[in-house]
Amino acid sequence: MGQICGGGRNREHAEDEELEGLIVLKEGKHYGPHSGWGFRHIAKEHLKNFVDIFGIGDNDEELLNLIKKIMYDGEIKYIMDDQKGGWDIIFEYKGKRVYTVVSDNERGIITAYPMT
């Protein structure tokens, strides 16, 4: 798996992760319950939440496609510097909100999950 880049609605899309304003999802690692980062962590910890809230199939491919859509087409409703080298961002996509933690280091998205 490579990575996806997005920036929310009304932001310039690009393939170069070095460009300012991009949000990058890398494969990442899952270390166990509530521990890890990136797609592997999101898939292991939060796939069921995405299935329940968005009605996607229970598999990695549909989850990845949904995350791409949220990152590219979602609207940023809230963004805050977490004072630890990253941002807390809430996207809205199809009337549903997704909480995302993004690191400003090389990891990109740490986690993402639907808000109920």
N, C-alpha and C. Protein backbone atom coordinates (compact mmCIF):
# COMPACT_ATOMS: atom_id res chain seq x y z
N MET A 1 0.84 -1.17 0.00
CA MET A 1 0.00 0.00 0.00
C MET A 1 0.89 1.24 0.00
N GLY A 2 0.53 2.18 -0.79
CA GLY A 2 1.25 3.45 -0.81
C GLY A 2 0.68 4.39 0.22
N GLN A 3 0.33 5.56 -0.22
CA GLN A 3 -0.25 6.54 0.69
C GLN A 3 -1.24 7.38 -0.09
N ILE A 4 -2.14 8.00 0.65
CA ILE A 4 -3.06 8.93 0.01
C ILE A 4 -2.81 10.31 0.58
N CYS A 5 -3.10 11.29 -0.22
CA CYS A 5 -2.96 12.68 0.20
C CYS A 5 -4.28 13.37 0.00
N GLY A 6 -4.65 14.20 0.91
CA GLY A 6 -5.88 14.96 0.75
C GLY A 6 -5.79 16.25 1.51
N GLY A 7 -6.74 17.10 1.30
CA GLY A 7 -6.68 18.36 2.00
C GLY A 7 -8.04 18.93 2.34
N GLY A 8 -9.09 18.18 2.13
CA GLY A 8 -10.42 18.71 2.42
C GLY A 8 -10.93 19.55 1.27
N ARG A 9 -12.23 19.76 1.24
CA ARG A 9 -12.87 20.54 0.18
C ARG A 9 -12.26 21.92 0.07
N ASN A 10 -12.18 22.40 -1.17
CA ASN A 10 -11.68 23.73 -1.49
C ASN A 10 -10.19 23.88 -1.19
N ARG A 11 -9.47 22.81 -1.14
CA ARG A 11 -8.02 22.89 -0.98
C ARG A 11 -7.39 22.23 -2.19
N GLU A 12 -6.23 22.66 -2.55
CA GLU A 12 -5.56 22.14 -3.73
C GLU A 12 -5.13 20.69 -3.50
N HIS A 13 -5.44 19.84 -4.46
CA HIS A 13 -5.04 18.43 -4.38
C HIS A 13 -3.68 18.29 -5.04
N ALA A 14 -2.86 17.44 -4.49
CA ALA A 14 -1.55 17.20 -5.08
C ALA A 14 -1.06 15.82 -4.67
N GLU A 15 -0.13 15.31 -5.41
CA GLU A 15 0.43 14.00 -5.11
C GLU A 15 1.71 14.10 -4.28
N ASP A 16 2.28 15.27 -4.17
CA ASP A 16 3.54 15.47 -3.47
C ASP A 16 3.28 15.73 -2.00
N GLU A 17 3.66 14.77 -1.14
CA GLU A 17 3.36 14.91 0.28
C GLU A 17 4.12 16.05 0.94
N GLU A 18 5.10 16.61 0.29
CA GLU A 18 5.87 17.70 0.88
C GLU A 18 5.15 19.04 0.77
N LEU A 19 4.11 19.12 -0.04
CA LEU A 19 3.41 20.38 -0.20
C LEU A 19 2.65 20.74 1.07
N GLU A 20 2.69 21.99 1.44
CA GLU A 20 2.03 22.47 2.63
C GLU A 20 0.52 22.28 2.53
N GLY A 21 -0.12 21.91 3.61
CA GLY A 21 -1.57 21.79 3.65
C GLY A 21 -2.09 20.40 3.34
N LEU A 22 -1.22 19.45 3.04
CA LEU A 22 -1.70 18.11 2.71
C LEU A 22 -1.81 17.25 3.96
N ILE A 23 -2.73 16.33 3.88
CA ILE A 23 -2.88 15.31 4.92
C ILE A 23 -2.51 13.99 4.25
N VAL A 24 -1.60 13.24 4.86
CA VAL A 24 -1.08 12.03 4.26
C VAL A 24 -1.47 10.82 5.12
N LEU A 25 -1.92 9.76 4.47
CA LEU A 25 -2.19 8.50 5.16
C LEU A 25 -1.19 7.47 4.67
N LYS A 26 -0.40 6.97 5.58
CA LYS A 26 0.57 5.93 5.26
C LYS A 26 0.08 4.61 5.85
N GLU A 27 0.73 3.52 5.45
CA GLU A 27 0.31 2.20 5.92
C GLU A 27 0.37 2.12 7.44
N GLY A 28 1.43 2.61 8.04
CA GLY A 28 1.53 2.66 9.49
C GLY A 28 1.72 1.31 10.16
N LYS A 29 1.44 1.28 11.45
CA LYS A 29 1.62 0.07 12.26
C LYS A 29 0.54 0.00 13.32
N HIS A 30 0.16 -1.22 13.66
CA HIS A 30 -0.77 -1.43 14.75
C HIS A 30 -0.06 -2.29 15.78
N TYR A 31 0.06 -1.77 17.01
CA TYR A 31 0.81 -2.47 18.05
C TYR A 31 -0.08 -3.22 19.03
N GLY A 32 -1.37 -2.99 18.98
CA GLY A 32 -2.29 -3.60 19.93
C GLY A 32 -3.39 -2.61 20.24
N PRO A 33 -4.26 -2.96 21.17
CA PRO A 33 -5.39 -2.08 21.49
C PRO A 33 -4.96 -0.64 21.80
N HIS A 34 -5.55 0.29 21.09
CA HIS A 34 -5.34 1.72 21.30
C HIS A 34 -3.88 2.14 21.14
N SER A 35 -3.15 1.43 20.29
CA SER A 35 -1.74 1.73 20.09
C SER A 35 -1.36 1.52 18.63
N GLY A 36 -0.86 2.57 18.01
CA GLY A 36 -0.41 2.47 16.62
C GLY A 36 -0.69 3.75 15.87
N TRP A 37 -0.55 3.70 14.55
CA TRP A 37 -0.76 4.88 13.72
C TRP A 37 -0.99 4.44 12.28
N GLY A 38 -1.58 5.32 11.50
CA GLY A 38 -1.76 5.08 10.07
C GLY A 38 -2.90 4.11 9.75
N PHE A 39 -2.90 3.65 8.49
CA PHE A 39 -4.00 2.83 8.01
C PHE A 39 -4.14 1.52 8.77
N ARG A 40 -3.04 0.84 9.07
CA ARG A 40 -3.12 -0.44 9.80
C ARG A 40 -3.83 -0.24 11.14
N HIS A 41 -3.49 0.82 11.83
CA HIS A 41 -4.14 1.10 13.12
C HIS A 41 -5.62 1.40 12.93
N ILE A 42 -5.96 2.25 11.97
CA ILE A 42 -7.37 2.61 11.74
C ILE A 42 -8.17 1.36 11.38
N ALA A 43 -7.62 0.52 10.50
CA ALA A 43 -8.33 -0.69 10.07
C ALA A 43 -8.56 -1.64 11.24
N LYS A 44 -7.57 -1.81 12.10
CA LYS A 44 -7.71 -2.75 13.24
C LYS A 44 -8.61 -2.20 14.34
N GLU A 45 -8.51 -0.90 14.61
CA GLU A 45 -9.24 -0.32 15.74
C GLU A 45 -10.63 0.23 15.39
N HIS A 46 -10.81 0.74 14.15
CA HIS A 46 -12.00 1.52 13.87
C HIS A 46 -12.81 1.08 12.66
N LEU A 47 -12.42 -0.01 11.99
CA LEU A 47 -13.16 -0.46 10.81
C LEU A 47 -14.64 -0.67 11.13
N LYS A 48 -14.93 -1.34 12.23
CA LYS A 48 -16.34 -1.60 12.59
C LYS A 48 -17.13 -0.30 12.74
N ASN A 49 -16.50 0.73 13.31
CA ASN A 49 -17.18 2.02 13.45
C ASN A 49 -17.53 2.61 12.08
N PHE A 50 -16.59 2.55 11.14
CA PHE A 50 -16.85 3.05 9.79
C PHE A 50 -17.93 2.23 9.09
N VAL A 51 -17.91 0.91 9.29
CA VAL A 51 -18.93 0.04 8.70
C VAL A 51 -20.30 0.42 9.25
N ASP A 52 -20.40 0.57 10.56
CA ASP A 52 -21.68 0.89 11.20
C ASP A 52 -22.20 2.27 10.82
N ILE A 53 -21.34 3.27 10.77
CA ILE A 53 -21.76 4.65 10.54
C ILE A 53 -21.96 4.97 9.05
N PHE A 54 -21.04 4.47 8.20
CA PHE A 54 -21.09 4.82 6.78
C PHE A 54 -21.67 3.70 5.91
N GLY A 55 -21.87 2.52 6.46
CA GLY A 55 -22.47 1.43 5.69
C GLY A 55 -21.55 0.83 4.64
N ILE A 56 -20.24 0.92 4.83
CA ILE A 56 -19.30 0.32 3.88
C ILE A 56 -19.15 -1.16 4.17
N GLY A 57 -18.53 -1.89 3.24
CA GLY A 57 -18.22 -3.30 3.47
C GLY A 57 -17.13 -3.43 4.52
N ASP A 58 -17.10 -4.57 5.15
CA ASP A 58 -16.18 -4.85 6.25
C ASP A 58 -14.83 -5.33 5.70
N ASN A 59 -14.13 -4.44 4.97
CA ASN A 59 -12.83 -4.82 4.42
C ASN A 59 -11.95 -3.59 4.23
N ASP A 60 -10.66 -3.85 4.12
CA ASP A 60 -9.67 -2.77 4.02
C ASP A 60 -9.87 -1.91 2.78
N GLU A 61 -10.20 -2.52 1.66
CA GLU A 61 -10.34 -1.77 0.41
C GLU A 61 -11.44 -0.72 0.51
N GLU A 62 -12.60 -1.11 1.04
CA GLU A 62 -13.69 -0.14 1.16
C GLU A 62 -13.36 0.94 2.19
N LEU A 63 -12.67 0.56 3.26
CA LEU A 63 -12.25 1.56 4.25
C LEU A 63 -11.29 2.56 3.64
N LEU A 64 -10.30 2.09 2.90
CA LEU A 64 -9.34 2.99 2.27
C LEU A 64 -10.03 3.93 1.29
N ASN A 65 -10.95 3.40 0.49
CA ASN A 65 -11.69 4.24 -0.46
C ASN A 65 -12.50 5.31 0.26
N LEU A 66 -13.13 4.94 1.37
CA LEU A 66 -13.90 5.91 2.14
C LEU A 66 -13.00 7.00 2.72
N ILE A 67 -11.87 6.61 3.27
CA ILE A 67 -10.95 7.60 3.84
C ILE A 67 -10.48 8.55 2.75
N LYS A 68 -10.19 8.04 1.57
CA LYS A 68 -9.81 8.90 0.44
C LYS A 68 -10.90 9.93 0.16
N LYS A 69 -12.15 9.47 0.10
CA LYS A 69 -13.26 10.37 -0.18
C LYS A 69 -13.41 11.42 0.92
N ILE A 70 -13.26 11.01 2.16
CA ILE A 70 -13.37 11.95 3.28
C ILE A 70 -12.27 13.00 3.18
N MET A 71 -11.05 12.59 2.89
CA MET A 71 -9.92 13.52 2.83
C MET A 71 -10.04 14.49 1.65
N TYR A 72 -10.53 14.00 0.51
CA TYR A 72 -10.62 14.85 -0.69
C TYR A 72 -11.92 15.66 -0.74
N ASP A 73 -13.02 15.05 -0.37
CA ASP A 73 -14.32 15.68 -0.56
C ASP A 73 -14.97 16.17 0.73
N GLY A 74 -14.43 15.74 1.85
CA GLY A 74 -14.99 16.16 3.13
C GLY A 74 -14.72 17.63 3.40
N GLU A 75 -15.54 18.19 4.23
CA GLU A 75 -15.38 19.59 4.62
C GLU A 75 -14.77 19.64 6.02
N ILE A 76 -13.72 20.43 6.17
CA ILE A 76 -13.11 20.58 7.49
C ILE A 76 -14.01 21.47 8.33
N LYS A 77 -14.52 20.92 9.43
CA LYS A 77 -15.41 21.65 10.33
C LYS A 77 -14.67 22.23 11.53
N TYR A 78 -13.55 21.62 11.88
CA TYR A 78 -12.82 22.03 13.08
C TYR A 78 -11.37 21.63 12.89
N ILE A 79 -10.47 22.51 13.25
CA ILE A 79 -9.05 22.18 13.24
C ILE A 79 -8.38 22.90 14.40
N MET A 80 -7.54 22.18 15.13
CA MET A 80 -6.88 22.79 16.28
C MET A 80 -5.49 22.20 16.44
N ASP A 81 -4.53 23.05 16.67
CA ASP A 81 -3.17 22.62 16.98
C ASP A 81 -3.23 21.91 18.33
N ASP A 82 -2.74 20.68 18.38
CA ASP A 82 -2.83 19.94 19.64
C ASP A 82 -1.69 20.25 20.60
N GLN A 83 -0.81 21.18 20.23
CA GLN A 83 0.31 21.59 21.06
C GLN A 83 1.32 20.46 21.30
N LYS A 84 1.23 19.38 20.52
CA LYS A 84 2.16 18.27 20.64
C LYS A 84 2.77 17.93 19.28
N GLY A 85 2.69 18.86 18.34
CA GLY A 85 3.27 18.61 17.03
C GLY A 85 2.27 18.04 16.03
N GLY A 86 1.01 18.34 16.20
CA GLY A 86 0.01 17.82 15.27
C GLY A 86 -1.28 18.61 15.37
N TRP A 87 -2.31 18.06 14.75
CA TRP A 87 -3.61 18.73 14.71
C TRP A 87 -4.73 17.74 14.95
N ASP A 88 -5.77 18.23 15.61
CA ASP A 88 -7.04 17.51 15.70
C ASP A 88 -7.94 18.14 14.65
N ILE A 89 -8.47 17.31 13.76
CA ILE A 89 -9.30 17.81 12.67
C ILE A 89 -10.60 17.01 12.62
N ILE A 90 -11.71 17.73 12.48
CA ILE A 90 -12.99 17.06 12.27
C ILE A 90 -13.44 17.37 10.85
N PHE A 91 -13.61 16.29 10.09
CA PHE A 91 -14.15 16.38 8.74
C PHE A 91 -15.63 16.06 8.76
N GLU A 92 -16.40 16.68 7.88
CA GLU A 92 -17.78 16.27 7.68
C GLU A 92 -17.89 15.74 6.26
N TYR A 93 -18.48 14.55 6.13
CA TYR A 93 -18.66 13.91 4.83
C TYR A 93 -20.02 13.22 4.83
N LYS A 94 -20.84 13.60 3.88
CA LYS A 94 -22.21 13.06 3.77
C LYS A 94 -22.98 13.19 5.08
N GLY A 95 -22.83 14.34 5.73
CA GLY A 95 -23.58 14.62 6.94
C GLY A 95 -23.06 13.93 8.19
N LYS A 96 -21.93 13.23 8.07
CA LYS A 96 -21.35 12.53 9.22
C LYS A 96 -19.97 13.10 9.50
N ARG A 97 -19.59 13.09 10.75
CA ARG A 97 -18.31 13.67 11.15
C ARG A 97 -17.29 12.59 11.49
N VAL A 98 -16.04 12.88 11.12
CA VAL A 98 -14.93 11.96 11.37
C VAL A 98 -13.83 12.74 12.09
N TYR A 99 -13.45 12.25 13.25
CA TYR A 99 -12.39 12.86 14.05
C TYR A 99 -11.06 12.28 13.56
N THR A 100 -10.10 13.14 13.30
CA THR A 100 -8.81 12.73 12.76
C THR A 100 -7.69 13.40 13.56
N VAL A 101 -6.67 12.62 13.88
CA VAL A 101 -5.48 13.16 14.51
C VAL A 101 -4.35 13.06 13.49
N VAL A 102 -3.74 14.20 13.19
CA VAL A 102 -2.69 14.26 12.18
C VAL A 102 -1.41 14.76 12.84
N SER A 103 -0.33 14.06 12.60
CA SER A 103 0.98 14.46 13.12
C SER A 103 1.70 15.29 12.08
N ASP A 104 2.50 16.23 12.53
CA ASP A 104 3.26 17.02 11.57
C ASP A 104 4.61 16.39 11.25
N ASN A 105 4.88 15.22 11.81
CA ASN A 105 6.11 14.54 11.42
C ASN A 105 5.82 13.61 10.25
N GLU A 106 6.67 12.69 9.97
CA GLU A 106 6.52 11.85 8.78
C GLU A 106 5.37 10.86 8.85
N ARG A 107 4.73 10.70 9.98
CA ARG A 107 3.68 9.70 10.09
C ARG A 107 2.37 10.11 9.42
N GLY A 108 2.03 11.37 9.38
CA GLY A 108 0.77 11.80 8.77
C GLY A 108 -0.40 11.51 9.70
N ILE A 109 -1.43 10.84 9.18
CA ILE A 109 -2.61 10.54 9.98
C ILE A 109 -2.25 9.47 11.02
N ILE A 110 -2.52 9.80 12.28
CA ILE A 110 -2.31 8.85 13.37
C ILE A 110 -3.54 7.95 13.50
N THR A 111 -4.71 8.57 13.56
CA THR A 111 -5.96 7.82 13.67
C THR A 111 -7.10 8.61 13.08
N ALA A 112 -8.18 7.92 12.80
CA ALA A 112 -9.42 8.54 12.32
C ALA A 112 -10.56 7.62 12.68
N TYR A 113 -11.66 8.21 13.12
CA TYR A 113 -12.85 7.41 13.43
C TYR A 113 -14.09 8.27 13.39
N PRO A 114 -15.22 7.64 13.04
CA PRO A 114 -16.47 8.39 12.99
C PRO A 114 -16.91 8.82 14.38
N MET A 115 -17.53 9.98 14.43
CA MET A 115 -18.08 10.47 15.70
C MET A 115 -19.56 10.11 15.73
N THR A 116 -20.01 9.61 16.85
CA THR A 116 -21.43 9.23 16.96
C THR A 116 -22.18 10.21 17.82
